[in-house]
C-alpha cells in the first residue's frame, strides 16, 4: 500500500500571515483573542480572534471576493508555488460554514460549500475538488481523507485547505448554548467557562512522494459515538476508539508518542471527555496542549491549524505551552504543557472532537533526511 506524506504548508490567522509569523507569536505567548464589539453579530461585547483584512496587503484576483475566499487564497498560494499542480491532484476543502454570510444576501447557490471548493480549485488549476464538512473534526478528517485516497491510488496528491470566519450565525449558535467565555478561554483549567470563536485558514500539500516530505501520515481514524447532537460522551468513547484505531494502523507502541495536540475547547464537558479518553488510552503522561487560547475555536480550520503548529513544534524541538492553563480542572489528570521547553518530537498524535459525536485521530512521524 502507498504511503502518504505532508510536504509544504501555510497558515493565515490573526497572529500572522505565514507559518513563521505564527510560530514567533505563539512561542512568545501572544493571543489573537481580543474583546470585540460587533452589534450586528452580538449586541454585547464578546471575546474572539478576528483577522484584519487590511494587513494582508494583497491585491486579490477579481473572482476572489469574500473574506473566507481571500483567506483560503492566501493560505494556498505559497503551497502551490512550493509544490506545483501536476498529475492527479485533488483539492480538499475543510469548513463548517464556508460562505454562509451570503445567505443574508440571498445568494443561496454561492453559499454552497461545493461552489467554494470548486472556485478555489479552478483558480489554482486543480481539476477536482472534494468537501469534508463534519463539524469540528473536519480539518483532521480532511488530512486523513487525503491519505486514504492516495493509499487507494485514486489520486497522486492533494491540496488540503481549511477555513472558517466569524459570522452572526456561528456566534449566536454558541451563545445559545451559553458556551461563550467572558474572557480569553482557558482549556483544561479549573476556572474555564467556555470558548472563543476564531477565524483562520490553513493549507498543506500531501502526496505519495517521500522526497522533500517533512512528515509521514502513519494512521488515522474517525469514530462517531453518536452520544448527543452537541454534548460529548461522558466516557470519551468515540475519541478513545479513534485513538486506538489510529495507533493500530500506525503500528506503533503508544509509549513512542512524543506529543499530543488535543482539541481543548475550554468547555466543561469537552475537556473532561478528552481527559477521560486520554486516560483510557493510557496517554495521560504524554505532554499535551490545546491551541484554543491563542486562536479561539476556528471550527473547520482548527484541526489543520493545530496540526501545522504541531509539525513546527516537532521541527523546532519545542513544546508549545497550553496557554491559560494553571490548575487542573478535569477529574482525571493529563500532562498539560505549562511552559515552552525543548524536546525531541518524532511522533505526533493530533485529535479533534465535534458535534454529533464525531471524533478523529491522526498520527504523524517526522521524516528523517
Protein backbone atom coordinates (compact mmCIF):
# COMPACT_ATOMS: atom_id res chain seq x y z
CA UNK A 1 0.00 0.00 0.00
CA UNK A 2 1.21 3.50 -0.84
CA UNK A 3 2.26 5.86 1.93
CA UNK A 4 1.16 9.48 2.29
CA UNK A 5 3.48 12.35 3.11
CA UNK A 6 2.99 16.00 4.06
CA UNK A 7 5.20 18.48 2.21
CA UNK A 8 4.64 22.27 2.27
CA UNK A 9 2.08 24.04 4.45
CA UNK A 10 0.92 27.54 5.40
CA UNK A 11 -1.15 29.46 7.97
CA UNK A 12 -3.33 32.59 7.86
CA UNK A 13 -4.54 33.72 11.31
CA UNK A 14 -4.92 36.87 13.44
CA UNK A 15 -1.36 36.19 14.67
CA UNK A 16 0.27 36.19 11.25
CA UNK A 17 0.09 35.53 7.52
CA UNK A 18 2.74 32.82 7.44
CA UNK A 19 3.91 29.84 9.45
CA UNK A 20 6.97 31.71 10.73
CA UNK A 21 4.91 34.69 11.92
CA UNK A 22 2.50 32.38 13.71
CA UNK A 23 5.29 30.41 15.32
CA UNK A 24 7.01 33.50 16.65
CA UNK A 25 3.73 34.85 18.04
CA UNK A 26 2.75 31.60 19.73
CA UNK A 27 6.14 30.86 21.23
CA UNK A 28 6.12 34.44 22.59
CA UNK A 29 2.82 33.71 24.31
CA UNK A 30 0.70 36.08 22.21
CA UNK A 31 -3.01 35.51 21.73
CA UNK A 32 -5.12 36.68 18.82
CA UNK A 33 -8.21 36.78 21.05
CA UNK A 34 -9.46 40.26 21.92
CA UNK A 35 -12.69 41.81 23.12
CA UNK A 36 -14.89 42.62 20.13
CA UNK A 37 -17.97 44.79 19.82
CA UNK A 38 -19.84 43.99 16.61
CA UNK A 39 -23.53 44.87 17.13
CA UNK A 40 -24.72 43.04 14.02
CA UNK A 41 -23.12 39.86 15.41
CA UNK A 42 -23.94 40.21 19.12
CA UNK A 43 -25.39 43.23 20.91
CA UNK A 44 -22.91 42.94 23.79
CA UNK A 45 -19.08 42.81 23.63
CA UNK A 46 -17.55 39.33 23.35
CA UNK A 47 -14.08 37.81 23.04
CA UNK A 48 -12.98 36.42 19.68
CA UNK A 49 -9.98 36.21 17.32
CA UNK A 50 -10.59 38.09 14.08
CA UNK A 51 -8.28 38.52 11.07
CA UNK A 52 -7.66 42.11 9.99
CA UNK A 53 -8.09 42.06 6.21
CA UNK A 54 -6.19 45.34 5.90
CA UNK A 55 -2.96 43.65 7.00
CA UNK A 56 -2.79 41.28 4.03
CA UNK A 57 -1.51 43.98 1.68
CA UNK A 58 -2.53 41.80 -1.26
CA UNK A 59 -4.33 42.64 -4.48
CA UNK A 60 -6.68 39.70 -4.89
CA UNK A 61 -7.87 38.28 -8.20
CA UNK A 62 -11.28 39.65 -9.21
CA UNK A 63 -13.01 36.30 -8.66
CA UNK A 64 -11.74 36.05 -5.06
CA UNK A 65 -14.40 38.10 -3.27
CA UNK A 66 -15.42 37.06 0.25
CA UNK A 67 -13.22 37.22 3.33
CA UNK A 68 -13.02 33.44 3.52
CA UNK A 69 -12.05 33.15 -0.15
CA UNK A 70 -9.25 35.66 0.41
CA UNK A 71 -8.01 33.74 3.45
CA UNK A 72 -8.00 30.44 1.56
CA UNK A 73 -6.26 32.07 -1.41
CA UNK A 74 -3.51 33.48 0.82
CA UNK A 75 -3.11 30.14 2.60
CA UNK A 76 -2.83 28.05 -0.56
CA UNK A 77 -0.77 30.37 -2.77
CA UNK A 78 2.70 29.64 -1.30
CA UNK A 79 1.88 25.93 -1.04
CA UNK A 80 1.11 25.71 -4.77
CA UNK A 81 4.28 27.68 -5.51
CA UNK A 82 6.31 25.21 -3.46
CA UNK A 83 4.53 22.15 -4.85
CA UNK A 84 3.05 22.98 -8.30
CA UNK A 85 -0.09 21.26 -9.51
CA UNK A 86 0.60 18.18 -11.61
CA UNK A 87 -0.75 14.70 -12.20
CA UNK A 88 -3.94 13.57 -10.49
CA UNK A 89 -4.25 16.29 -7.87
CA UNK A 90 -7.33 16.92 -5.75
CA UNK A 91 -8.34 19.93 -3.67
CA UNK A 92 -9.98 19.02 -0.35
CA UNK A 93 -11.82 21.81 1.46
CA UNK A 94 -12.47 21.60 5.20
CA UNK A 95 -15.02 24.10 6.51
CA UNK A 96 -18.05 24.03 8.75
CA UNK A 97 -19.90 27.06 7.44
CA UNK A 98 -17.98 28.36 4.40
CA UNK A 99 -19.53 31.49 2.83
CA UNK A 100 -22.66 31.22 4.95
CA UNK A 101 -22.99 35.01 5.20
CA UNK A 102 -24.01 35.02 1.51
CA UNK A 103 -27.38 33.65 2.59
CA UNK A 104 -28.16 37.05 4.10
CA UNK A 105 -27.64 38.50 0.61
CA UNK A 106 -29.97 35.86 -0.88
CA UNK A 107 -27.04 34.36 -2.81
CA UNK A 108 -28.04 30.85 -1.87
CA UNK A 109 -26.25 28.95 -4.64
CA UNK A 110 -22.94 30.71 -3.97
CA UNK A 111 -23.14 29.76 -0.28
CA UNK A 112 -22.81 26.05 -1.05
CA UNK A 113 -19.52 24.56 0.16
CA UNK A 114 -19.07 22.73 -3.13
CA UNK A 115 -19.20 26.03 -5.02
CA UNK A 116 -16.49 27.47 -2.78
CA UNK A 117 -14.27 24.39 -3.16
CA UNK A 118 -14.62 24.32 -6.94
CA UNK A 119 -13.95 28.05 -7.17
CA UNK A 120 -10.63 27.81 -5.32
CA UNK A 121 -9.66 24.64 -7.20
CA UNK A 122 -10.42 26.18 -10.59
CA UNK A 123 -8.39 29.30 -9.83
CA UNK A 124 -5.29 27.26 -8.99
CA UNK A 125 -5.75 24.86 -11.90
CA UNK A 126 -6.72 21.88 -9.79
CA UNK A 127 -9.14 19.73 -11.75
CA UNK A 128 -11.22 18.14 -8.99
CA UNK A 129 -12.45 19.23 -5.56
CA UNK A 130 -13.94 17.50 -2.53
CA UNK A 131 -15.59 18.91 0.60
CA UNK A 132 -15.12 17.50 4.11
CA UNK A 133 -17.57 19.15 6.49
CA UNK A 134 -18.06 17.15 9.67
CA UNK A 135 -18.29 19.71 12.46
CA UNK A 136 -15.04 20.47 14.26
CA UNK A 137 -13.19 17.30 13.25
CA UNK A 138 -13.24 18.44 9.61
CA UNK A 139 -9.63 19.67 9.44
CA UNK A 140 -8.14 16.46 10.84
CA UNK A 141 -10.55 14.33 8.84
CA UNK A 142 -9.62 16.13 5.60
CA UNK A 143 -5.96 15.19 6.05
CA UNK A 144 -6.98 11.59 6.75
CA UNK A 145 -9.18 11.61 3.67
CA UNK A 146 -6.26 12.72 1.51
CA UNK A 147 -4.14 9.92 2.96
CA UNK A 148 -6.75 7.27 2.24
CA UNK A 149 -7.39 8.41 -1.33
CA UNK A 150 -3.64 8.30 -2.01
CA UNK A 151 -3.39 4.82 -0.49
CA UNK A 152 -6.30 3.67 -2.65
CA UNK A 153 -4.43 5.12 -5.69
CA UNK A 154 -7.44 7.29 -6.53
CA UNK A 155 -5.18 10.38 -6.59
CA UNK A 156 -1.47 11.16 -6.64
CA UNK A 157 -1.64 14.19 -4.39
CA UNK A 158 -3.98 16.55 -2.56
CA UNK A 159 -4.05 20.19 -1.52
CA UNK A 160 -5.93 20.30 1.77
CA UNK A 161 -7.30 23.73 2.65
CA UNK A 162 -9.29 24.66 5.73
CA UNK A 163 -11.02 27.84 6.80
CA UNK A 164 -13.89 29.46 8.66
CA UNK A 165 -14.82 33.04 9.52
CA UNK A 166 -16.74 34.66 12.34
CA UNK A 167 -20.39 35.28 11.48
CA UNK A 168 -23.56 36.12 13.37
CA UNK A 169 -24.81 32.60 12.62
CA UNK A 170 -21.83 30.94 14.28
CA UNK A 171 -21.53 33.25 17.29
CA UNK A 172 -25.25 33.26 18.05
CA UNK A 173 -25.28 29.49 17.88
CA UNK A 174 -22.64 29.09 20.57
CA UNK A 175 -24.23 31.92 22.56
CA UNK A 176 -27.49 29.97 22.58
CA UNK A 177 -25.61 27.12 24.31
CA UNK A 178 -24.25 29.64 26.82
CA UNK A 179 -20.85 28.34 25.72
CA UNK A 180 -19.02 31.63 25.07
CA UNK A 181 -16.34 32.59 27.59
CA UNK A 182 -16.42 36.03 29.21
CA UNK A 183 -12.66 36.32 28.68
CA UNK A 184 -9.81 34.52 26.91
CA UNK A 185 -10.58 30.81 27.15
CA UNK A 186 -8.62 28.50 29.48
CA UNK A 187 -8.57 24.90 28.21
CA UNK A 188 -8.42 22.21 30.93
CA UNK A 189 -8.14 24.82 33.66
CA UNK A 190 -10.26 24.67 36.81
CA UNK A 191 -11.73 28.11 36.06
CA UNK A 192 -12.56 27.57 32.40
CA UNK A 193 -16.05 28.70 31.39
CA UNK A 194 -16.39 28.42 27.63
CA UNK A 195 -14.96 29.02 24.20
CA UNK A 196 -13.92 31.92 22.00
CA UNK A 197 -14.67 31.85 18.27
CA UNK A 198 -11.74 32.48 15.94
CA UNK A 199 -11.01 32.98 12.26
CA UNK A 200 -8.26 31.20 10.39
CA UNK A 201 -7.19 29.37 7.27
CA UNK A 202 -4.55 26.77 6.56
CA UNK A 203 -3.26 24.71 3.65
CA UNK A 204 -0.94 21.78 3.09
CA UNK A 205 0.22 19.54 0.26
CA UNK A 206 0.08 15.77 0.65
CA UNK A 207 1.43 13.23 -1.82
CA UNK A 208 2.71 9.69 -2.22
CA UNK A 209 6.22 11.00 -2.87
CA UNK A 210 8.64 10.83 0.04
CA UNK A 211 11.27 13.14 -1.48
CA UNK A 212 11.29 16.54 0.25
CA UNK A 213 8.50 15.42 2.60
CA UNK A 214 8.53 16.63 6.20
CA UNK A 215 6.06 14.21 7.84
CA UNK A 216 4.56 10.82 7.06
CA UNK A 217 0.93 10.14 7.97
CA UNK A 218 1.11 6.80 9.76
CA UNK A 219 -2.50 6.32 10.83
CA UNK A 220 -5.90 7.95 11.12
CA UNK A 221 -9.35 7.11 12.41
CA UNK A 222 -12.78 8.70 12.63
CA UNK A 223 -15.23 7.23 15.13
CA UNK A 224 -18.70 8.61 15.85
CA UNK A 225 -20.12 7.58 19.21
CA UNK A 226 -23.49 9.26 18.46
CA UNK A 227 -23.68 10.43 22.06
CA UNK A 228 -25.63 13.66 21.54
CA UNK A 229 -26.20 16.34 18.90
CA UNK A 230 -23.94 18.76 20.80
CA UNK A 231 -22.76 17.12 24.04
CA UNK A 232 -19.59 14.97 24.11
CA UNK A 233 -19.61 11.45 25.50
CA UNK A 234 -19.18 11.32 29.29
CA UNK A 235 -16.94 8.25 28.83
CA UNK A 236 -14.81 9.54 25.94
CA UNK A 237 -15.88 6.51 23.92
CA UNK A 238 -15.54 7.89 20.38
CA UNK A 239 -12.25 9.67 21.00
CA UNK A 240 -10.79 6.66 22.81
CA UNK A 241 -11.72 4.37 19.91
CA UNK A 242 -10.34 6.84 17.36
CA UNK A 243 -7.02 6.99 19.18
CA UNK A 244 -6.83 3.20 19.48
CA UNK A 245 -7.64 2.69 15.78
CA UNK A 246 -5.06 5.25 14.67
CA UNK A 247 -2.39 3.65 16.86
CA UNK A 248 -3.26 0.20 15.49
CA UNK A 249 -2.94 1.37 11.88
CA UNK A 250 0.31 3.21 12.61
CA UNK A 251 1.70 0.01 14.16
CA UNK A 252 3.48 1.87 16.93
CA UNK A 253 3.82 1.45 20.66
CA UNK A 254 1.74 4.19 22.29
CA UNK A 255 4.73 4.96 24.52
CA UNK A 256 6.57 6.17 21.40
CA UNK A 257 4.19 9.14 21.02
CA UNK A 258 6.10 12.28 21.97
CA UNK A 259 3.33 14.86 21.96
CA UNK A 260 -0.47 15.07 21.71
CA UNK A 261 -2.25 18.06 20.19
CA UNK A 262 -5.71 17.95 21.73
CA UNK A 263 -8.94 19.74 20.77
CA UNK A 264 -9.35 21.54 24.12
CA UNK A 265 -12.30 23.88 23.60
CA UNK A 266 -12.31 25.04 27.26
CA UNK A 267 -15.90 23.96 27.80
CA UNK A 268 -16.59 21.92 30.94
CA UNK A 269 -17.73 18.79 29.16
CA UNK A 270 -15.34 18.65 26.18
CA UNK A 271 -12.19 18.99 28.27
CA UNK A 272 -13.44 16.43 30.79
CA UNK A 273 -14.24 14.00 27.98
CA UNK A 274 -10.77 14.37 26.47
CA UNK A 275 -9.06 13.80 29.81
CA UNK A 276 -11.06 10.60 30.30
CA UNK A 277 -10.28 9.40 26.75
CA UNK A 278 -6.56 10.11 27.22
CA UNK A 279 -6.52 8.07 30.41
CA UNK A 280 -8.47 5.23 28.82
CA UNK A 281 -5.87 5.20 26.02
CA UNK A 282 -3.02 5.24 28.60
CA UNK A 283 -1.66 8.52 27.27
CA UNK A 284 -2.18 10.60 30.40
CA UNK A 285 1.58 11.09 30.89
CA UNK A 286 2.34 12.26 27.34
CA UNK A 287 2.82 16.07 27.04
CA UNK A 288 -0.27 17.63 25.50
CA UNK A 289 -1.75 21.04 24.74
CA UNK A 290 -4.67 22.97 23.33
CA UNK A 291 -4.14 25.93 20.97
CA UNK A 292 -7.58 27.47 21.56
CA UNK A 293 -6.34 30.27 23.85
CA UNK A 294 -4.09 31.51 21.03
CA UNK A 295 -6.58 31.37 18.16
CA UNK A 296 -10.01 30.71 19.61
CA UNK A 297 -12.02 27.90 18.08
CA UNK A 298 -11.56 28.20 14.33
CA UNK A 299 -14.09 25.44 13.65
CA UNK A 300 -13.30 23.64 10.37
CA UNK A 301 -9.84 25.21 10.28
CA UNK A 302 -8.84 24.28 13.83
CA UNK A 303 -7.62 20.75 13.14
CA UNK A 304 -5.30 21.76 10.30
CA UNK A 305 -4.03 24.93 12.01
CA UNK A 306 -3.15 22.96 15.13
CA UNK A 307 -1.62 20.12 13.10
CA UNK A 308 0.66 22.56 11.26
CA UNK A 309 1.79 24.15 14.53
CA UNK A 310 2.41 20.67 15.93
CA UNK A 311 4.66 19.89 12.96
CA UNK A 312 6.54 23.14 13.53
CA UNK A 313 6.85 22.18 17.18
CA UNK A 314 8.45 18.88 16.14
CA UNK A 315 10.75 20.52 13.58
CA UNK A 316 11.99 23.01 16.15
CA UNK A 317 12.09 20.53 19.03
CA UNK A 318 10.00 22.78 21.25
CA UNK A 319 6.79 22.05 23.15
CA UNK A 320 4.15 24.81 22.94
CA UNK A 321 2.51 25.69 26.28
CA UNK A 322 -1.24 25.30 26.65
CA UNK A 323 -1.98 28.98 27.22
CA UNK A 324 -4.33 29.81 30.09
CA UNK A 325 -3.78 26.55 31.97
CA UNK A 326 -2.86 26.92 35.64
CA UNK A 327 -4.85 24.47 37.78
CA UNK A 328 -6.19 21.09 36.72
CA UNK A 329 -9.91 21.29 36.05
CA UNK A 330 -10.65 17.71 35.00
CA UNK A 331 -11.37 14.72 37.22
CA UNK A 332 -8.55 12.75 35.62
CA UNK A 333 -5.02 14.12 35.27
CA UNK A 334 -3.36 14.71 31.91
CA UNK A 335 0.11 16.14 31.26
CA UNK A 336 -0.84 19.63 30.04
CA UNK A 337 2.21 21.63 28.92
CA UNK A 338 2.72 24.66 31.17
CA UNK A 339 5.82 26.24 29.64
CA UNK A 340 7.85 26.05 26.44
CA UNK A 341 10.64 23.53 26.68
CA UNK A 342 12.97 21.64 24.38
CA UNK A 343 12.01 18.09 23.48
CA UNK A 344 12.81 15.63 20.70
CA UNK A 345 9.49 15.17 18.90
CA UNK A 346 9.27 12.45 16.25
CA UNK A 347 5.73 11.08 16.69
CA UNK A 348 2.67 13.34 16.99
CA UNK A 349 -0.91 12.43 17.82
CA UNK A 350 -3.50 15.01 16.76
CA UNK A 351 -7.09 14.65 17.93
CA UNK A 352 -10.35 16.50 17.36
CA UNK A 353 -13.92 16.15 18.58
CA UNK A 354 -17.13 17.78 17.45
CA UNK A 355 -20.89 17.96 17.43
CA UNK A 356 -22.91 14.84 16.74
CA UNK A 357 -20.40 12.58 18.49
CA UNK A 358 -17.70 12.93 15.82
CA UNK A 359 -14.10 12.20 16.83
CA UNK A 360 -10.87 11.96 14.84
CA UNK A 361 -7.26 10.99 15.49
CA UNK A 362 -4.19 11.31 13.28
CA UNK A 363 -0.62 10.11 13.84
CA UNK A 364 2.35 11.75 12.10
CA UNK A 365 6.01 10.75 12.02
CA UNK A 366 8.75 13.25 11.28
CA UNK A 367 10.72 12.31 8.18
CA UNK A 368 14.47 11.89 8.50
CA UNK A 369 16.82 13.33 5.91
